[in-house]
Amino acid sequence: MDNLNAGELNMSVSAICVNDKGEKYAFVTFSDGVRVAEGKIPECKLLKNSGFAQIEAKELEKYMQEHLKELKKMAANVDIFSAFKGK
């Protein structure tokens, strides 16, 4: 079986984080069930890559750059407390 066709590529975006300098950032995770890569915005650079070819990793970074505005909006809308509601 070809791992490149293992499944649909899923993406998730973390809530906004703030470092000790007050700079905002978020993490973007790409996974197809076999391979996983994690990037950081607004830098649009991958921090971790397990299974994606170098050219695919560059395409994921390019995707983050081209969709940075939307990714920032997604991160801003993540409600980290929603998992605890109703318990």
N, C-alpha and C. Protein backbone atom coordinates (compact mmCIF):
# COMPACT_ATOMS: atom_id res chain seq x y z
N MET A 1 0.84 -1.19 0.00
CA MET A 1 0.00 0.00 0.00
C MET A 1 0.88 1.24 0.00
N ASP A 2 0.50 2.20 -0.78
CA ASP A 2 1.26 3.45 -0.90
C ASP A 2 0.81 4.40 0.21
N ASN A 3 1.74 4.79 1.09
CA ASN A 3 1.41 5.68 2.19
C ASN A 3 0.94 7.05 1.73
N LEU A 4 1.32 7.46 0.51
CA LEU A 4 0.90 8.77 0.03
C LEU A 4 -0.61 8.81 -0.19
N ASN A 5 -1.23 7.65 -0.36
CA ASN A 5 -2.67 7.60 -0.56
C ASN A 5 -3.38 7.00 0.65
N ALA A 6 -2.79 7.12 1.81
CA ALA A 6 -3.32 6.48 3.01
C ALA A 6 -4.67 7.05 3.42
N GLY A 7 -4.94 8.28 3.09
CA GLY A 7 -6.23 8.86 3.47
C GLY A 7 -6.24 10.35 3.26
N GLU A 8 -7.34 10.92 3.64
CA GLU A 8 -7.53 12.36 3.50
C GLU A 8 -6.60 13.11 4.45
N LEU A 9 -6.08 14.22 3.99
CA LEU A 9 -5.22 15.05 4.83
C LEU A 9 -6.09 15.93 5.71
N ASN A 10 -5.94 15.78 7.01
CA ASN A 10 -6.69 16.57 7.98
C ASN A 10 -5.79 17.63 8.57
N MET A 11 -6.40 18.75 8.94
CA MET A 11 -5.65 19.86 9.52
C MET A 11 -6.39 20.32 10.77
N SER A 12 -5.63 20.62 11.81
CA SER A 12 -6.21 21.21 13.01
C SER A 12 -5.35 22.39 13.44
N VAL A 13 -5.98 23.34 14.10
CA VAL A 13 -5.30 24.56 14.53
C VAL A 13 -5.52 24.71 16.03
N SER A 14 -4.44 25.03 16.75
CA SER A 14 -4.53 25.23 18.19
C SER A 14 -5.11 26.60 18.51
N ALA A 15 -5.41 26.78 19.78
CA ALA A 15 -5.78 28.10 20.26
C ALA A 15 -4.53 29.00 20.19
N ILE A 16 -4.74 30.29 20.28
CA ILE A 16 -3.62 31.24 20.28
C ILE A 16 -2.86 31.12 21.59
N CYS A 17 -1.55 31.07 21.49
CA CYS A 17 -0.65 31.05 22.63
C CYS A 17 0.11 32.37 22.65
N VAL A 18 0.66 32.73 23.81
CA VAL A 18 1.45 33.95 23.94
C VAL A 18 2.74 33.60 24.66
N ASN A 19 3.88 33.99 24.07
CA ASN A 19 5.16 33.70 24.73
C ASN A 19 5.49 34.79 25.74
N ASP A 20 6.64 34.65 26.40
CA ASP A 20 7.01 35.60 27.46
C ASP A 20 7.31 37.01 26.95
N LYS A 21 7.43 37.16 25.62
CA LYS A 21 7.64 38.48 25.02
C LYS A 21 6.32 39.10 24.56
N GLY A 22 5.22 38.38 24.79
CA GLY A 22 3.92 38.89 24.38
C GLY A 22 3.57 38.60 22.94
N GLU A 23 4.39 37.81 22.26
CA GLU A 23 4.14 37.47 20.86
C GLU A 23 3.14 36.33 20.76
N LYS A 24 2.17 36.49 19.86
CA LYS A 24 1.14 35.47 19.68
C LYS A 24 1.57 34.47 18.61
N TYR A 25 1.18 33.20 18.82
CA TYR A 25 1.46 32.15 17.86
C TYR A 25 0.44 31.04 18.04
N ALA A 26 0.38 30.14 17.07
CA ALA A 26 -0.50 28.98 17.16
C ALA A 26 0.17 27.83 16.40
N PHE A 27 -0.31 26.63 16.66
CA PHE A 27 0.22 25.45 16.00
C PHE A 27 -0.79 24.91 15.01
N VAL A 28 -0.29 24.43 13.88
CA VAL A 28 -1.13 23.83 12.84
C VAL A 28 -0.62 22.41 12.64
N THR A 29 -1.52 21.44 12.76
CA THR A 29 -1.15 20.04 12.61
C THR A 29 -1.81 19.47 11.36
N PHE A 30 -1.01 18.77 10.56
CA PHE A 30 -1.48 18.09 9.36
C PHE A 30 -1.29 16.60 9.57
N SER A 31 -2.31 15.80 9.25
CA SER A 31 -2.21 14.36 9.42
C SER A 31 -3.10 13.66 8.41
N ASP A 32 -2.64 12.50 7.94
CA ASP A 32 -3.47 11.67 7.07
C ASP A 32 -3.69 10.28 7.67
N GLY A 33 -3.45 10.16 8.96
CA GLY A 33 -3.63 8.88 9.63
C GLY A 33 -2.36 8.06 9.67
N VAL A 34 -1.39 8.40 8.83
CA VAL A 34 -0.11 7.70 8.79
C VAL A 34 1.02 8.69 9.08
N ARG A 35 0.96 9.81 8.41
CA ARG A 35 1.99 10.84 8.54
C ARG A 35 1.44 12.02 9.34
N VAL A 36 2.35 12.69 10.06
CA VAL A 36 1.95 13.86 10.87
C VAL A 36 3.03 14.93 10.74
N ALA A 37 2.59 16.17 10.60
CA ALA A 37 3.51 17.31 10.61
C ALA A 37 2.88 18.41 11.45
N GLU A 38 3.73 19.11 12.19
CA GLU A 38 3.24 20.22 13.02
C GLU A 38 4.02 21.47 12.67
N GLY A 39 3.27 22.54 12.37
CA GLY A 39 3.88 23.82 12.04
C GLY A 39 3.47 24.87 13.03
N LYS A 40 4.11 26.02 12.92
CA LYS A 40 3.83 27.15 13.81
C LYS A 40 3.55 28.37 12.96
N ILE A 41 2.47 29.08 13.32
CA ILE A 41 2.18 30.35 12.66
C ILE A 41 2.36 31.46 13.68
N PRO A 42 2.78 32.66 13.30
CA PRO A 42 2.85 33.18 11.94
C PRO A 42 4.14 32.87 11.18
N GLU A 43 5.07 32.13 11.79
CA GLU A 43 6.32 31.82 11.09
C GLU A 43 6.11 30.96 9.85
N CYS A 44 5.06 30.15 9.86
CA CYS A 44 4.74 29.25 8.75
C CYS A 44 5.88 28.27 8.48
N LYS A 45 6.44 27.74 9.54
CA LYS A 45 7.52 26.76 9.45
C LYS A 45 7.11 25.49 10.17
N LEU A 46 7.48 24.34 9.61
CA LEU A 46 7.22 23.07 10.28
C LEU A 46 8.23 22.87 11.40
N LEU A 47 7.74 22.44 12.55
CA LEU A 47 8.58 22.14 13.70
C LEU A 47 8.85 20.64 13.79
N LYS A 48 7.86 19.85 13.36
CA LYS A 48 7.96 18.39 13.39
C LYS A 48 7.43 17.83 12.09
N ASN A 49 8.04 16.75 11.62
CA ASN A 49 7.59 16.08 10.41
C ASN A 49 7.88 14.60 10.53
N SER A 50 6.83 13.81 10.47
CA SER A 50 6.98 12.37 10.54
C SER A 50 6.30 11.75 9.32
N GLY A 51 7.08 11.51 8.28
CA GLY A 51 6.56 10.80 7.12
C GLY A 51 6.35 11.59 5.85
N PHE A 52 6.25 12.90 5.93
CA PHE A 52 6.07 13.70 4.72
C PHE A 52 7.42 13.89 4.02
N ALA A 53 7.43 13.73 2.71
CA ALA A 53 8.64 13.97 1.92
C ALA A 53 9.01 15.45 2.01
N GLN A 54 10.27 15.76 1.76
CA GLN A 54 10.75 17.15 1.85
C GLN A 54 9.92 18.09 0.98
N ILE A 55 9.60 17.67 -0.22
CA ILE A 55 8.82 18.53 -1.12
C ILE A 55 7.40 18.73 -0.57
N GLU A 56 6.83 17.70 0.06
CA GLU A 56 5.51 17.83 0.68
C GLU A 56 5.57 18.77 1.87
N ALA A 57 6.63 18.68 2.65
CA ALA A 57 6.81 19.57 3.80
C ALA A 57 6.85 21.02 3.34
N LYS A 58 7.56 21.28 2.26
CA LYS A 58 7.63 22.65 1.71
C LYS A 58 6.25 23.11 1.26
N GLU A 59 5.46 22.21 0.69
CA GLU A 59 4.10 22.55 0.26
C GLU A 59 3.21 22.88 1.46
N LEU A 60 3.39 22.17 2.57
CA LEU A 60 2.62 22.47 3.78
C LEU A 60 2.99 23.85 4.32
N GLU A 61 4.28 24.19 4.29
CA GLU A 61 4.70 25.53 4.71
C GLU A 61 4.14 26.60 3.79
N LYS A 62 4.13 26.31 2.49
CA LYS A 62 3.57 27.25 1.52
C LYS A 62 2.06 27.43 1.77
N TYR A 63 1.38 26.34 2.08
CA TYR A 63 -0.04 26.41 2.40
C TYR A 63 -0.28 27.34 3.60
N MET A 64 0.53 27.17 4.64
CA MET A 64 0.38 28.02 5.83
C MET A 64 0.59 29.49 5.47
N GLN A 65 1.58 29.78 4.62
CA GLN A 65 1.85 31.16 4.22
C GLN A 65 0.67 31.74 3.44
N GLU A 66 0.16 30.94 2.49
CA GLU A 66 -0.91 31.42 1.62
C GLU A 66 -2.25 31.56 2.36
N HIS A 67 -2.43 30.82 3.45
CA HIS A 67 -3.69 30.84 4.18
C HIS A 67 -3.52 31.36 5.61
N LEU A 68 -2.48 32.16 5.82
CA LEU A 68 -2.17 32.64 7.17
C LEU A 68 -3.33 33.41 7.79
N LYS A 69 -3.96 34.26 7.03
CA LYS A 69 -5.07 35.06 7.55
C LYS A 69 -6.19 34.16 8.07
N GLU A 70 -6.57 33.15 7.27
CA GLU A 70 -7.63 32.23 7.67
C GLU A 70 -7.21 31.38 8.87
N LEU A 71 -5.94 30.94 8.89
CA LEU A 71 -5.45 30.13 10.00
C LEU A 71 -5.46 30.93 11.30
N LYS A 72 -5.09 32.21 11.22
CA LYS A 72 -5.14 33.06 12.42
C LYS A 72 -6.57 33.19 12.93
N LYS A 73 -7.54 33.34 12.01
CA LYS A 73 -8.94 33.44 12.41
C LYS A 73 -9.39 32.14 13.07
N MET A 74 -8.96 31.00 12.50
CA MET A 74 -9.33 29.71 13.08
C MET A 74 -8.78 29.59 14.50
N ALA A 75 -7.53 29.99 14.70
CA ALA A 75 -6.91 29.91 16.02
C ALA A 75 -7.63 30.81 17.01
N ALA A 76 -8.04 31.99 16.56
CA ALA A 76 -8.74 32.93 17.44
C ALA A 76 -10.10 32.39 17.86
N ASN A 77 -10.68 31.52 17.06
CA ASN A 77 -12.01 30.98 17.36
C ASN A 77 -11.98 29.67 18.14
N VAL A 78 -10.80 29.14 18.44
CA VAL A 78 -10.70 27.91 19.21
C VAL A 78 -11.05 28.21 20.66
N ASP A 79 -12.03 27.51 21.17
CA ASP A 79 -12.45 27.66 22.56
C ASP A 79 -11.88 26.49 23.35
N ILE A 80 -10.78 26.72 24.04
CA ILE A 80 -10.11 25.64 24.74
C ILE A 80 -10.93 25.11 25.91
N PHE A 81 -11.92 25.86 26.37
CA PHE A 81 -12.73 25.42 27.49
C PHE A 81 -13.97 24.66 27.05
N SER A 82 -14.23 24.59 25.73
CA SER A 82 -15.44 23.90 25.25
C SER A 82 -15.40 22.42 25.61
N ALA A 83 -14.22 21.84 25.73
CA ALA A 83 -14.10 20.43 26.09
C ALA A 83 -14.59 20.16 27.50
N PHE A 84 -14.62 21.19 28.34
CA PHE A 84 -15.03 21.02 29.74
C PHE A 84 -16.47 21.41 30.00
N LYS A 85 -17.12 21.99 28.99
CA LYS A 85 -18.51 22.43 29.17
C LYS A 85 -19.44 21.22 29.26
N GLY A 86 -20.40 21.33 30.11
CA GLY A 86 -21.40 20.28 30.23
C GLY A 86 -20.96 19.10 31.07
N LYS A 87 -19.82 19.21 31.74
CA LYS A 87 -19.35 18.09 32.57
C LYS A 87 -19.72 18.32 34.01
